[in-house]
Amino acid sequence: METKFKIDLNNCTGCGTCEETAPEVFKVVNEKATINNSAINKNIKAAIEAKDSCPDKAIVAV
């Protein structure tokens, strides 16, 4: 099963924690995080760590 995340843009402040933790998966563009969902499964540990470390709780599993 493929893991996918989405960004709650109402909560995301663009702090960059996700990009620092999992740069293969997350990028901050125009002060909001974006996700490369196709890279999550190859980088699952870092992606989950980024999700869990988001101070705004803006990354959610779907």
Protein backbone atom coordinates (compact mmCIF):
# COMPACT_ATOMS: atom_id res chain seq x y z
CA MET A 1 0.00 0.00 0.00
CA GLU A 2 1.33 3.40 -0.95
CA THR A 3 1.51 6.05 1.76
CA LYS A 4 0.31 9.54 0.84
CA PHE A 5 0.28 12.77 2.75
CA LYS A 6 -1.38 16.11 2.18
CA ILE A 7 -0.62 19.56 3.51
CA ASP A 8 -3.30 21.44 5.43
CA LEU A 9 -2.55 24.82 3.85
CA ASN A 10 -4.60 26.59 6.52
CA ASN A 11 -2.17 25.35 9.18
CA CYS A 12 1.12 25.40 7.24
CA THR A 13 3.26 28.42 8.07
CA GLY A 14 6.10 27.49 5.71
CA CYS A 15 8.60 27.07 8.53
CA GLY A 16 10.64 24.52 6.54
CA THR A 17 10.92 21.81 9.21
CA CYS A 18 9.54 19.23 6.79
CA GLU A 19 11.97 20.23 4.03
CA GLU A 20 14.92 20.06 6.43
CA THR A 21 13.85 16.61 7.65
CA ALA A 22 12.85 15.04 4.31
CA PRO A 23 14.06 17.20 1.40
CA GLU A 24 13.35 14.42 -1.10
CA VAL A 25 9.66 14.58 -0.17
CA PHE A 26 8.89 18.14 0.97
CA LYS A 27 9.70 21.56 -0.48
CA VAL A 28 8.56 24.98 0.69
CA VAL A 29 7.29 27.04 -2.24
CA ASN A 30 5.73 30.48 -1.82
CA GLU A 31 5.78 30.06 1.97
CA LYS A 32 3.79 26.78 1.91
CA ALA A 33 4.97 23.18 1.95
CA THR A 34 4.51 20.99 -1.11
CA ILE A 35 4.76 17.21 -1.31
CA ASN A 36 6.30 14.86 -3.85
CA ASN A 37 3.99 11.93 -3.00
CA SER A 38 5.83 9.62 -5.40
CA ALA A 39 8.96 9.95 -3.21
CA ILE A 40 7.30 9.11 0.11
CA ASN A 41 7.63 5.33 0.00
CA LYS A 42 11.31 5.49 -0.97
CA ASN A 43 11.88 7.87 1.96
CA ILE A 44 9.19 6.65 4.34
CA LYS A 45 11.14 7.01 7.59
CA ALA A 46 12.15 10.60 6.85
CA ALA A 47 8.64 11.44 5.60
CA ILE A 48 7.02 10.14 8.78
CA GLU A 49 9.60 11.95 10.90
CA ALA A 50 8.82 15.17 9.02
CA LYS A 51 5.08 14.65 9.52
CA ASP A 52 5.54 14.00 13.22
CA SER A 53 7.89 16.96 13.70
CA CYS A 54 5.72 19.55 11.94
CA PRO A 55 5.13 22.21 14.61
CA ASP A 56 1.88 23.26 12.91
CA LYS A 57 0.56 19.69 12.49
CA ALA A 58 -0.06 20.62 8.86
CA ILE A 59 1.01 17.27 7.35
CA VAL A 60 -1.70 14.63 7.42
CA ALA A 61 -1.84 11.08 6.10
CA VAL A 62 -4.54 10.38 3.53
